[in-house]
Amino acid sequence: MEMIENRTVDPEGQSIPKPRIRLIFAICWILISIGAASIVISIISISQILAFIGLSLIFWGGILFYIKPEGYAKQVLLDAAMPPTFETLDQIINELGYKGKAIYLPSKYLQDPETYKAYLPKLLEEKPPEPNIILKQEHQLFLKNPEGILFTPPGAQLAKLFEKRLGINFSLVNLNYIKRNLPKLFIEDLEIADNLEIDIEFSSKSLFGIKKTNYGLIYVTITNSLFKNIIKENPKLSKISNTVGSPISSAIACVLTKTTGKPVIIEDVQSSENGNIIRVTFRIEKLEYTEPFQVKTEPVSIPIAESITVPITQKHEIQKSPQSPIVEIPESIIPTINVQRSIGLTLILLGVITIVWIGVLTWNDVFEFNKDLGVSLLAYRIGEPIGLGIGMKFIHYFMIGSVLILSGILAYIQKGKKILDSFIRPPIIPRLFDLSLMLLGALIIVWITELIVFELVVYNKNLIFILFAYGTNTPLSLGIGMNVIYYLMIGLALLLSGALSYLQRNKTSKTQLNVKIDKY
């Protein structure tokens, strides 16, 4: 696809290129420039600290410079754009009076093995036609013999995206690979769902004491899919969701049919009351499956190798799931809430204990021993009857307690993930760099601020003297030629660079998380 530049129009109506301000690149060059200047100054002043700072800034600037962020679209735009496609397909099916379920066809039915097609029969229990019949009518929408619709399923492009992200062809892998890698792709790479579980079961029948395959059922449970609102906010599309499938269930059906080489039918769709959890049942006739572990058969007690391919050998028999509308799944299947709240309460308790303990010690110092509050909070307690560890002060424990309480509250009210999402959501690596810059800058500023307050309160020094003269040949040396003001400027530069880079990545994100758009 040809890329189109942003353009503007001059008074004469001519299209001219519009300059694009790359803030992220500007920040990278600023970091590299500051780093280079720091190295030059370190050579002149013989300062190792400046040399390390310069190398770090050049490293981060170079990393950020060569990382290209991916394109995004707001989820609200996706929710608005997808329903019309389903509504059109639903209208065609209803007007023609088709009752069957979509059958996703493997590559042997098609001339191009890399395309995806689904066949919708007119009758409910009609089986898929022979491959040669589909091959003769592959480019037709309405088939006459047998009567049905041959169309590109809504999840075809998503399935191609899955292949591109995994770097494989689904026709060359087996179900074990899909079961192992598809959840990771959904959760960590594309981040289009919070969780994905795949279970494979089989219905079998016995022939002379040996179990033979009838059909296989694959259960896929999806939690918090980015496509959940498409069906939830459009109840009229629930029928088409059971017949053809939602974008994600359709994409998974495309993956399964290409992997197994057999037709796939979306047998059943179940949903929780709020739509956050969806369980899709896929039916595959004569499914062959390679078990990754040893399977015990009943009633034949014959040892089976660890990995064999059989028509189907299963631990227990199941019955065909009856066709049913969308039903509810109990929310109790998510056991993480109580664990998360227990962790939150533990953190809150530790924070309260820490603050109460330090509060009692501070009270005793101020009211029992008549110490100054500033000295009590900011002075080291080395040599005191109650030592807090080398370099530890009361103020440090107050900060630790406060962080524990805040973290516990966030974990308890289950908001911590939403806050962290603003940093770790895609693209994850650049956001981690931004977070690292801000964290490093904040630590430097907090450290220098504490030092300034300590000198002002405990030793009553002049602020100008502390900023511009303090640091060299003093008990707390800051490095050769390094003053407090230098570290303050470095911390502010790091904090500002990280914040600007973070804001640049979020300038188009005003709602909850976005969906990745693959650029071809």
Protein backbone atom coordinates (compact mmCIF):
# COMPACT_ATOMS: atom_id res chain seq x y z
CA MET A 1 0.00 0.00 0.00
CA GLU A 2 1.37 3.37 -0.99
CA MET A 3 2.03 5.74 1.87
CA ILE A 4 0.35 9.16 1.60
CA GLU A 5 2.11 12.15 3.13
CA ASN A 6 0.35 14.83 5.12
CA ARG A 7 -0.09 17.73 2.72
CA THR A 8 -1.52 21.21 2.75
CA VAL A 9 -2.75 23.49 -0.05
CA ASP A 10 -1.25 26.84 -1.00
CA PRO A 11 -3.34 29.86 -2.10
CA GLU A 12 -3.09 28.73 -5.73
CA GLY A 13 -4.55 25.33 -4.93
CA GLN A 14 -1.30 23.41 -5.31
CA SER A 15 -0.66 20.53 -2.94
CA ILE A 16 2.55 21.03 -1.00
CA PRO A 17 4.12 18.81 1.66
CA LYS A 18 3.27 19.73 5.24
CA PRO A 19 6.24 19.55 7.64
CA ARG A 20 5.71 17.09 10.46
CA ILE A 21 7.22 17.87 13.83
CA ARG A 22 8.68 14.69 15.25
CA LEU A 23 8.74 15.45 18.95
CA ILE A 24 10.06 12.01 19.80
CA PHE A 25 13.03 12.50 17.46
CA ALA A 26 13.66 15.95 18.95
CA ILE A 27 13.80 14.41 22.42
CA CYS A 28 16.22 11.76 21.16
CA TRP A 29 18.54 14.39 19.72
CA ILE A 30 18.32 16.40 22.95
CA LEU A 31 19.36 13.34 24.96
CA ILE A 32 22.21 12.55 22.58
CA SER A 33 23.38 16.19 22.60
CA ILE A 34 23.30 16.45 26.39
CA GLY A 35 25.12 13.12 26.63
CA ALA A 36 27.83 14.24 24.21
CA ALA A 37 28.24 17.54 26.07
CA SER A 38 28.50 15.66 29.38
CA ILE A 39 31.28 13.47 28.00
CA VAL A 40 33.19 16.52 26.73
CA ILE A 41 32.84 18.28 30.10
CA SER A 42 33.87 15.10 31.94
CA ILE A 43 37.10 15.00 29.92
CA ILE A 44 37.86 18.63 30.75
CA SER A 45 36.95 18.37 34.45
CA ILE A 46 38.15 14.76 34.88
CA SER A 47 34.75 13.69 36.23
CA GLN A 48 33.77 10.02 36.06
CA ILE A 49 30.19 10.76 37.08
CA LEU A 50 29.66 13.09 34.12
CA ALA A 51 31.16 10.45 31.82
CA PHE A 52 28.71 7.80 33.04
CA ILE A 53 25.79 10.22 32.75
CA GLY A 54 26.82 11.14 29.20
CA LEU A 55 27.12 7.53 28.11
CA SER A 56 23.71 6.72 29.62
CA LEU A 57 22.01 9.64 27.87
CA ILE A 58 23.57 8.74 24.52
CA PHE A 59 22.48 5.11 24.98
CA TRP A 60 18.85 5.97 25.77
CA GLY A 61 18.71 8.59 23.03
CA GLY A 62 19.99 6.10 20.46
CA ILE A 63 17.57 3.40 21.57
CA LEU A 64 14.57 5.75 21.39
CA PHE A 65 15.73 7.09 18.02
CA TYR A 66 15.66 3.69 16.33
CA ILE A 67 12.38 2.47 17.82
CA LYS A 68 9.45 3.19 15.53
CA PRO A 69 6.05 3.19 17.24
CA GLU A 70 3.24 1.27 15.60
CA GLY A 71 -0.04 2.74 14.42
CA TYR A 72 -3.12 2.74 16.62
CA ALA A 73 -6.81 3.41 16.33
CA LYS A 74 -9.21 4.19 19.13
CA GLN A 75 -11.41 1.32 20.21
CA VAL A 76 -14.47 3.55 19.85
CA LEU A 77 -13.68 3.88 16.12
CA LEU A 78 -13.42 0.11 15.81
CA ASP A 79 -16.76 -0.36 17.59
CA ALA A 80 -18.36 2.11 15.19
CA ALA A 81 -16.83 0.71 11.99
CA MET A 82 -17.37 -3.05 12.44
CA PRO A 83 -21.15 -3.43 13.05
CA PRO A 84 -22.28 -2.26 9.55
CA THR A 85 -20.39 -5.16 7.95
CA PHE A 86 -22.13 -7.67 10.20
CA GLU A 87 -25.50 -5.99 9.73
CA THR A 88 -25.19 -6.28 5.94
CA LEU A 89 -24.28 -9.97 6.14
CA ASP A 90 -27.09 -10.59 8.64
CA GLN A 91 -29.57 -8.87 6.33
CA ILE A 92 -28.53 -11.02 3.36
CA ILE A 93 -28.85 -14.22 5.38
CA ASN A 94 -32.28 -13.29 6.75
CA GLU A 95 -33.71 -12.21 3.38
CA LEU A 96 -32.58 -15.44 1.71
CA GLY A 97 -33.90 -17.53 4.60
CA TYR A 98 -30.64 -19.36 5.27
CA LYS A 99 -30.70 -21.52 8.42
CA GLY A 100 -27.30 -23.21 8.39
CA LYS A 101 -24.09 -22.43 10.24
CA ALA A 102 -21.01 -21.10 8.49
CA ILE A 103 -18.49 -23.82 7.59
CA TYR A 104 -14.91 -22.57 7.44
CA LEU A 105 -13.19 -24.30 4.53
CA PRO A 106 -9.57 -25.54 4.52
CA SER A 107 -7.09 -24.84 1.73
CA LYS A 108 -7.95 -27.98 -0.28
CA TYR A 109 -11.25 -26.30 -1.20
CA LEU A 110 -9.50 -23.24 -2.65
CA GLN A 111 -7.12 -22.50 -5.50
CA ASP A 112 -5.08 -20.11 -3.36
CA PRO A 113 -4.14 -21.88 -0.09
CA GLU A 114 -3.43 -18.52 1.60
CA THR A 115 -7.02 -17.28 1.31
CA TYR A 116 -9.85 -17.95 3.75
CA LYS A 117 -13.41 -18.76 2.74
CA ALA A 118 -16.54 -19.82 4.60
CA TYR A 119 -19.53 -21.65 3.18
CA LEU A 120 -23.00 -20.93 4.57
CA PRO A 121 -25.50 -23.68 3.62
CA LYS A 122 -29.19 -22.99 3.29
CA LEU A 123 -30.24 -25.94 5.46
CA LEU A 124 -29.37 -26.31 9.14
CA GLU A 125 -27.57 -29.66 9.28
CA GLU A 126 -26.17 -29.65 5.76
CA LYS A 127 -22.62 -30.95 5.38
CA PRO A 128 -19.91 -29.14 3.39
CA PRO A 129 -19.82 -29.97 -0.33
CA GLU A 130 -16.96 -31.76 -2.01
CA PRO A 131 -13.81 -29.69 -2.67
CA ASN A 132 -14.14 -29.92 -6.47
CA ILE A 133 -17.60 -28.32 -6.29
CA ILE A 134 -16.29 -25.32 -4.37
CA LEU A 135 -13.25 -25.02 -6.66
CA LYS A 136 -15.51 -24.61 -9.69
CA GLN A 137 -17.50 -21.81 -8.03
CA GLU A 138 -14.79 -20.26 -5.85
CA HIS A 139 -15.24 -16.71 -7.18
CA GLN A 140 -19.04 -16.70 -6.87
CA LEU A 141 -20.93 -15.34 -3.89
CA PHE A 142 -24.12 -17.37 -4.30
CA LEU A 143 -23.73 -21.06 -5.09
CA LYS A 144 -26.46 -22.98 -6.91
CA ASN A 145 -25.46 -26.60 -6.45
CA PRO A 146 -25.52 -26.96 -3.52
CA GLU A 147 -27.38 -23.81 -2.62
CA GLY A 148 -25.37 -21.60 -0.28
CA ILE A 149 -23.20 -18.52 0.16
CA LEU A 150 -19.42 -18.53 -0.28
CA PHE A 151 -17.86 -15.50 1.39
CA THR A 152 -14.68 -14.20 2.99
CA PRO A 153 -15.16 -14.51 6.78
CA PRO A 154 -14.84 -11.39 8.96
CA GLY A 155 -11.76 -12.77 10.73
CA ALA A 156 -9.71 -13.49 7.60
CA GLN A 157 -7.43 -10.45 7.89
CA LEU A 158 -6.95 -11.05 11.61
CA ALA A 159 -5.85 -14.62 10.88
CA LYS A 160 -3.30 -13.31 8.36
CA LEU A 161 -2.09 -10.86 10.99
CA PHE A 162 -1.65 -13.76 13.44
CA GLU A 163 0.53 -15.59 10.90
CA LYS A 164 2.62 -12.50 10.27
CA ARG A 165 3.17 -11.85 13.98
CA LEU A 166 4.11 -15.46 14.71
CA GLY A 167 6.23 -15.71 11.57
CA ILE A 168 4.76 -19.06 10.53
CA ASN A 169 2.25 -20.62 8.16
CA PHE A 170 -0.60 -22.24 10.08
CA SER A 171 -0.75 -25.10 7.58
CA LEU A 172 2.74 -26.19 8.72
CA VAL A 173 1.98 -26.45 12.46
CA ASN A 174 -0.30 -28.59 14.62
CA LEU A 175 -2.86 -27.93 17.34
CA ASN A 176 -0.24 -28.19 20.07
CA TYR A 177 1.54 -25.18 18.57
CA ILE A 178 -1.74 -23.23 18.39
CA LYS A 179 -2.66 -24.13 21.96
CA ARG A 180 0.77 -23.04 23.20
CA ASN A 181 1.34 -19.85 21.17
CA LEU A 182 -2.07 -18.33 20.42
CA PRO A 183 -2.74 -17.23 24.04
CA LYS A 184 0.64 -15.52 24.20
CA LEU A 185 -0.08 -13.76 20.90
CA PHE A 186 -3.46 -12.49 22.15
CA ILE A 187 -2.30 -11.43 25.62
CA GLU A 188 1.29 -10.22 25.26
CA ASP A 189 1.91 -9.35 21.62
CA LEU A 190 -1.31 -7.97 20.12
CA GLU A 191 -2.91 -7.38 23.53
CA ILE A 192 -6.44 -7.83 22.20
CA ALA A 193 -7.58 -9.89 25.20
CA ASP A 194 -6.71 -10.24 28.87
CA ASN A 195 -6.76 -14.03 28.75
CA LEU A 196 -7.25 -16.86 26.26
CA GLU A 197 -7.68 -20.54 27.10
CA ILE A 198 -7.92 -23.43 24.62
CA ASP A 199 -9.30 -26.86 25.58
CA ILE A 200 -9.62 -29.80 23.19
CA GLU A 201 -12.10 -32.62 23.73
CA PHE A 202 -13.41 -35.37 21.55
CA SER A 203 -16.56 -37.38 21.06
CA SER A 204 -15.65 -40.95 20.18
CA LYS A 205 -17.29 -44.26 19.45
CA SER A 206 -15.94 -47.81 19.91
CA LEU A 207 -15.38 -50.33 17.16
CA PHE A 208 -14.18 -53.81 18.27
CA GLY A 209 -12.93 -52.32 21.52
CA ILE A 210 -10.85 -49.61 19.81
CA LYS A 211 -12.01 -45.99 19.97
CA LYS A 212 -12.51 -44.29 16.61
CA THR A 213 -12.98 -40.60 15.92
CA ASN A 214 -16.36 -39.07 15.32
CA TYR A 215 -15.67 -35.38 15.82
CA GLY A 216 -13.65 -33.03 18.00
CA LEU A 217 -14.67 -29.98 19.98
CA ILE A 218 -12.29 -27.12 20.70
CA TYR A 219 -13.33 -24.72 23.47
CA VAL A 220 -11.81 -21.24 23.40
CA THR A 221 -12.47 -18.95 26.38
CA ILE A 222 -11.70 -15.26 25.77
CA THR A 223 -11.61 -12.69 28.58
CA ASN A 224 -12.00 -8.93 27.99
CA SER A 225 -11.64 -8.97 24.23
CA LEU A 226 -11.34 -5.59 22.52
CA PHE A 227 -14.15 -6.73 20.20
CA LYS A 228 -16.59 -7.54 22.99
CA ASN A 229 -18.65 -4.35 22.58
CA ILE A 230 -19.51 -5.08 18.94
CA ILE A 231 -22.04 -7.78 19.86
CA LYS A 232 -22.81 -6.47 23.35
CA GLU A 233 -23.98 -3.07 22.11
CA ASN A 234 -25.79 -4.54 19.09
CA PRO A 235 -28.13 -7.31 20.35
CA LYS A 236 -29.48 -7.83 16.82
CA LEU A 237 -26.10 -9.24 15.83
CA SER A 238 -26.21 -12.11 18.35
CA LYS A 239 -27.65 -14.41 15.68
CA ILE A 240 -24.90 -13.67 13.17
CA SER A 241 -22.38 -14.13 15.99
CA ASN A 242 -23.63 -17.70 16.49
CA THR A 243 -23.82 -18.37 12.76
CA VAL A 244 -20.68 -16.76 11.36
CA GLY A 245 -18.83 -15.61 14.48
CA SER A 246 -17.47 -12.37 15.89
CA PRO A 247 -14.20 -10.99 14.44
CA ILE A 248 -12.06 -12.87 16.97
CA SER A 249 -14.00 -16.16 16.91
CA SER A 250 -14.02 -16.01 13.10
CA ALA A 251 -10.25 -15.43 13.07
CA ILE A 252 -9.71 -18.40 15.41
CA ALA A 253 -11.92 -20.56 13.15
CA CYS A 254 -9.73 -19.56 10.18
CA VAL A 255 -6.64 -20.54 12.16
CA LEU A 256 -8.10 -23.91 13.16
CA THR A 257 -9.26 -24.86 9.67
CA LYS A 258 -5.88 -24.01 8.15
CA THR A 259 -4.01 -25.88 10.89
CA THR A 260 -6.13 -29.04 10.87
CA GLY A 261 -6.92 -29.05 7.15
CA LYS A 262 -10.56 -29.82 7.96
CA PRO A 263 -13.81 -27.82 7.87
CA VAL A 264 -14.60 -25.96 11.09
CA ILE A 265 -18.02 -24.95 12.42
CA ILE A 266 -18.73 -22.51 15.26
CA GLU A 267 -20.95 -24.87 17.22
CA ASP A 268 -21.90 -22.67 20.16
CA VAL A 269 -21.20 -19.24 21.69
CA GLN A 270 -21.65 -18.54 25.39
CA SER A 271 -21.18 -15.22 27.14
CA SER A 272 -21.16 -13.88 30.68
CA GLU A 273 -23.81 -11.37 31.68
CA ASN A 274 -21.56 -8.36 31.18
CA GLY A 275 -19.96 -9.76 28.03
CA ASN A 276 -16.44 -9.80 29.46
CA ILE A 277 -16.06 -13.58 29.13
CA ILE A 278 -16.91 -15.41 25.91
CA ARG A 279 -16.64 -19.15 25.36
CA VAL A 280 -16.73 -20.34 21.75
CA THR A 281 -17.11 -24.01 20.81
CA PHE A 282 -15.62 -25.09 17.47
CA ARG A 283 -16.64 -28.42 15.93
CA ILE A 284 -14.22 -30.27 13.64
CA GLU A 285 -15.20 -33.53 11.93
CA LYS A 286 -12.69 -36.41 12.00
CA LEU A 287 -10.16 -34.37 13.89
CA GLU A 288 -6.66 -35.76 14.28
CA TYR A 289 -4.70 -34.57 17.27
CA THR A 290 -1.20 -35.22 18.61
CA GLU A 291 -1.36 -35.51 22.38
CA PRO A 292 1.71 -33.91 24.05
CA PHE A 293 1.47 -36.27 27.03
CA GLN A 294 0.75 -39.94 27.53
CA VAL A 295 -2.96 -40.77 27.37
CA LYS A 296 -4.64 -43.62 29.20
CA THR A 297 -7.35 -45.33 27.17
CA GLU A 298 -10.39 -47.17 28.46
CA PRO A 299 -10.97 -50.08 28.60
CA VAL A 300 -7.87 -51.20 26.64
CA SER A 301 -4.73 -51.17 28.84
CA ILE A 302 -2.09 -50.81 26.11
CA PRO A 303 0.85 -48.44 26.77
CA ILE A 304 0.87 -45.50 24.37
CA ALA A 305 3.93 -43.51 23.39
CA GLU A 306 4.32 -39.99 24.72
CA SER A 307 3.47 -38.40 21.38
CA ILE A 308 1.41 -40.27 18.78
CA THR A 309 -1.08 -39.25 16.14
CA VAL A 310 -4.33 -41.13 16.36
CA PRO A 311 -7.75 -40.44 14.89
CA ILE A 312 -8.79 -39.62 18.46
CA THR A 313 -8.06 -41.22 21.80
CA GLN A 314 -9.54 -39.40 24.74
CA LYS A 315 -9.83 -39.73 28.47
CA HIS A 316 -13.62 -39.51 28.52
CA GLU A 317 -16.54 -39.19 26.20
CA ILE A 318 -18.62 -36.08 25.78
CA GLN A 319 -21.95 -35.42 24.22
CA LYS A 320 -22.62 -32.99 21.43
CA SER A 321 -23.35 -29.55 22.77
CA PRO A 322 -26.95 -28.60 21.97
CA GLN A 323 -27.51 -25.53 19.87
CA SER A 324 -28.48 -22.70 22.15
CA PRO A 325 -28.59 -18.92 22.23
CA ILE A 326 -26.12 -16.87 24.21
CA VAL A 327 -26.20 -17.99 27.83
CA GLU A 328 -24.49 -16.79 30.96
CA ILE A 329 -21.23 -18.02 32.40
CA PRO A 330 -20.88 -17.50 36.17
CA GLU A 331 -18.38 -14.78 37.01
CA SER A 332 -17.11 -16.96 39.85
CA ILE A 333 -14.73 -18.66 37.42
CA ILE A 334 -12.37 -15.69 37.95
CA PRO A 335 -10.62 -16.43 41.27
CA THR A 336 -8.12 -13.58 41.14
CA ILE A 337 -10.16 -10.87 42.89
CA ASN A 338 -9.83 -12.22 46.46
CA VAL A 339 -6.10 -12.87 45.97
CA GLN A 340 -5.58 -9.33 44.70
CA ARG A 341 -7.49 -7.85 47.62
CA SER A 342 -5.55 -9.98 50.12
CA ILE A 343 -2.30 -8.66 48.68
CA GLY A 344 -3.67 -5.13 48.90
CA LEU A 345 -4.68 -5.53 52.55
CA THR A 346 -1.25 -6.98 53.38
CA LEU A 347 0.53 -4.01 51.80
CA ILE A 348 -1.77 -1.55 53.60
CA LEU A 349 -1.12 -3.30 56.94
CA LEU A 350 2.67 -3.22 56.46
CA GLY A 351 2.53 0.46 55.51
CA VAL A 352 0.42 1.38 58.54
CA ILE A 353 2.72 -0.56 60.89
CA THR A 354 5.79 1.20 59.43
CA ILE A 355 4.28 4.68 59.74
CA VAL A 356 2.96 4.06 63.27
CA TRP A 357 6.37 2.74 64.38
CA ILE A 358 8.26 5.72 62.95
CA GLY A 359 5.58 8.08 64.23
CA VAL A 360 6.07 6.82 67.79
CA LEU A 361 9.86 7.22 67.50
CA THR A 362 9.46 10.75 66.12
CA TRP A 363 7.06 11.64 68.95
CA ASN A 364 9.57 10.43 71.54
CA ASP A 365 12.42 12.39 69.94
CA VAL A 366 10.43 15.63 69.75
CA PHE A 367 8.54 15.55 73.05
CA GLU A 368 10.69 13.34 75.28
CA PHE A 369 14.18 14.45 74.20
CA ASN A 370 13.20 17.93 72.92
CA LYS A 371 14.81 17.39 69.52
CA ASP A 372 14.03 19.59 66.56
CA LEU A 373 11.50 17.97 64.20
CA GLY A 374 13.69 18.64 61.16
CA VAL A 375 16.72 17.07 62.81
CA SER A 376 14.64 14.09 63.92
CA LEU A 377 13.30 13.47 60.42
CA LEU A 378 16.35 14.25 58.30
CA ALA A 379 19.39 13.45 60.47
CA TYR A 380 21.12 10.09 60.37
CA ARG A 381 20.69 7.89 63.45
CA ILE A 382 24.11 6.30 63.35
CA GLY A 383 25.25 5.84 66.95
CA GLU A 384 21.75 6.41 68.34
CA PRO A 385 20.22 3.87 70.78
CA ILE A 386 17.64 3.01 68.11
CA GLY A 387 19.57 2.74 64.82
CA LEU A 388 17.68 2.56 61.53
CA GLY A 389 20.52 1.15 59.47
CA ILE A 390 23.44 2.85 57.75
CA GLY A 391 22.17 5.86 55.82
CA MET A 392 18.53 5.39 56.87
CA LYS A 393 16.52 8.26 58.30
CA PHE A 394 13.03 8.69 59.68
CA ILE A 395 11.94 10.37 56.45
CA HIS A 396 12.94 7.27 54.47
CA TYR A 397 10.67 5.05 56.52
CA PHE A 398 7.82 7.53 56.22
CA MET A 399 8.23 7.36 52.44
CA ILE A 400 8.37 3.55 52.47
CA GLY A 401 5.23 3.33 54.58
CA SER A 402 3.38 5.79 52.35
CA VAL A 403 4.32 3.83 49.21
CA LEU A 404 3.16 0.57 50.79
CA ILE A 405 -0.21 2.07 51.77
CA LEU A 406 -0.74 3.62 48.33
CA SER A 407 0.22 0.40 46.54
CA GLY A 408 -2.07 -1.60 48.79
CA ILE A 409 -5.02 0.71 48.17
CA LEU A 410 -4.50 0.52 44.41
CA ALA A 411 -4.29 -3.27 44.54
CA TYR A 412 -7.36 -3.55 46.78
CA ILE A 413 -9.60 -1.38 44.60
CA GLN A 414 -8.23 -3.11 41.49
CA LYS A 415 -7.07 0.08 39.84
CA GLY A 416 -3.39 -0.74 39.79
CA LYS A 417 -3.61 -2.55 36.46
CA LYS A 418 -5.39 0.36 34.82
CA ILE A 419 -2.72 2.77 36.04
CA LEU A 420 0.11 0.50 34.93
CA ASP A 421 -1.60 0.00 31.57
CA SER A 422 -0.84 3.62 30.70
CA PHE A 423 2.85 2.70 30.82
CA ILE A 424 3.04 -0.93 29.72
CA ARG A 425 0.46 -0.96 26.95
CA PRO A 426 1.73 -0.96 23.37
CA PRO A 427 4.33 -0.11 22.33
CA ILE A 428 5.69 -1.61 25.54
CA ILE A 429 9.45 -1.11 25.01
CA PRO A 430 9.34 2.65 24.27
CA ARG A 431 7.03 3.20 27.22
CA LEU A 432 9.43 1.35 29.50
CA PHE A 433 12.18 3.68 28.30
CA ASP A 434 10.00 6.70 29.08
CA LEU A 435 9.22 5.30 32.51
CA SER A 436 12.92 4.63 33.15
CA LEU A 437 13.85 8.22 32.27
CA MET A 438 11.13 9.66 34.50
CA LEU A 439 12.00 7.32 37.36
CA LEU A 440 15.72 8.11 37.14
CA GLY A 441 15.02 11.84 37.02
CA ALA A 442 12.60 11.64 39.94
CA LEU A 443 15.11 9.70 42.06
CA ILE A 444 17.84 12.26 41.40
CA ILE A 445 15.52 15.16 42.23
CA VAL A 446 14.27 13.48 45.43
CA TRP A 447 17.83 12.73 46.53
CA ILE A 448 19.08 16.27 45.87
CA THR A 449 15.96 17.84 47.42
CA GLU A 450 16.46 15.79 50.56
CA LEU A 451 20.09 16.91 50.69
CA ILE A 452 19.10 20.57 50.29
CA VAL A 453 16.42 20.36 53.00
CA PHE A 454 18.88 18.59 55.31
CA GLU A 455 21.47 21.35 54.88
CA LEU A 456 18.88 24.11 55.31
CA VAL A 457 17.15 22.66 58.38
CA VAL A 458 19.97 20.94 60.24
CA TYR A 459 22.99 23.12 59.45
CA ASN A 460 21.18 26.40 58.58
CA LYS A 461 23.21 26.90 55.42
CA ASN A 462 22.40 29.44 52.74
CA LEU A 463 20.40 28.08 49.78
CA ILE A 464 22.61 29.78 47.16
CA PHE A 465 25.71 28.34 48.81
CA ILE A 466 24.17 24.87 48.82
CA LEU A 467 23.18 25.02 45.15
CA PHE A 468 26.31 26.53 43.62
CA ALA A 469 29.19 25.83 46.01
CA TYR A 470 28.33 22.66 47.92
CA GLY A 471 29.57 19.27 46.81
CA THR A 472 33.32 19.39 46.29
CA ASN A 473 35.64 18.33 49.10
CA THR A 474 32.76 17.96 51.56
CA PRO A 475 31.75 14.97 53.72
CA LEU A 476 29.06 14.12 51.12
CA SER A 477 31.07 14.55 47.93
CA LEU A 478 29.10 14.78 44.69
CA GLY A 479 32.05 14.22 42.40
CA ILE A 480 34.89 16.39 41.11
CA GLY A 481 33.46 19.71 40.02
CA MET A 482 29.86 18.65 40.68
CA ASN A 483 27.54 20.99 42.52
CA VAL A 484 24.02 20.40 43.74
CA ILE A 485 22.61 22.55 40.94
CA TYR A 486 24.15 20.23 38.33
CA TYR A 487 22.34 17.20 39.64
CA LEU A 488 19.13 19.18 39.94
CA MET A 489 19.38 20.14 36.27
CA ILE A 490 20.18 16.56 35.22
CA GLY A 491 17.20 15.21 37.16
CA LEU A 492 14.87 17.81 35.66
CA ALA A 493 16.18 17.07 32.15
CA LEU A 494 15.62 13.33 32.54
CA LEU A 495 12.18 13.79 34.08
CA LEU A 496 11.11 16.27 31.40
CA SER A 497 12.44 14.12 28.54
CA GLY A 498 10.60 11.05 29.78
CA ALA A 499 7.39 12.99 30.37
CA LEU A 500 7.45 14.63 26.93
CA SER A 501 8.11 11.31 25.23
CA TYR A 502 5.27 9.72 27.19
CA LEU A 503 2.87 12.54 26.29
CA GLN A 504 3.84 12.25 22.63
CA ARG A 505 2.81 8.59 22.62
CA ASN A 506 -0.48 9.41 24.33
CA LYS A 507 -1.55 12.50 22.42
CA THR A 508 -4.12 10.51 20.43
CA SER A 509 -5.22 8.31 23.32
CA LYS A 510 -8.15 9.93 25.14
CA THR A 511 -10.13 6.78 25.88
CA GLN A 512 -9.22 3.32 27.06
CA LEU A 513 -6.84 1.12 25.24
CA ASN A 514 -6.36 1.16 21.55
CA VAL A 515 -6.28 -1.56 19.00
CA LYS A 516 -3.25 -2.19 16.86
CA ILE A 517 -3.57 -1.60 13.11
CA ASP A 518 -1.12 -3.66 11.08
CA LYS A 519 0.73 -1.64 8.45
CA TYR A 520 1.30 -3.47 5.20
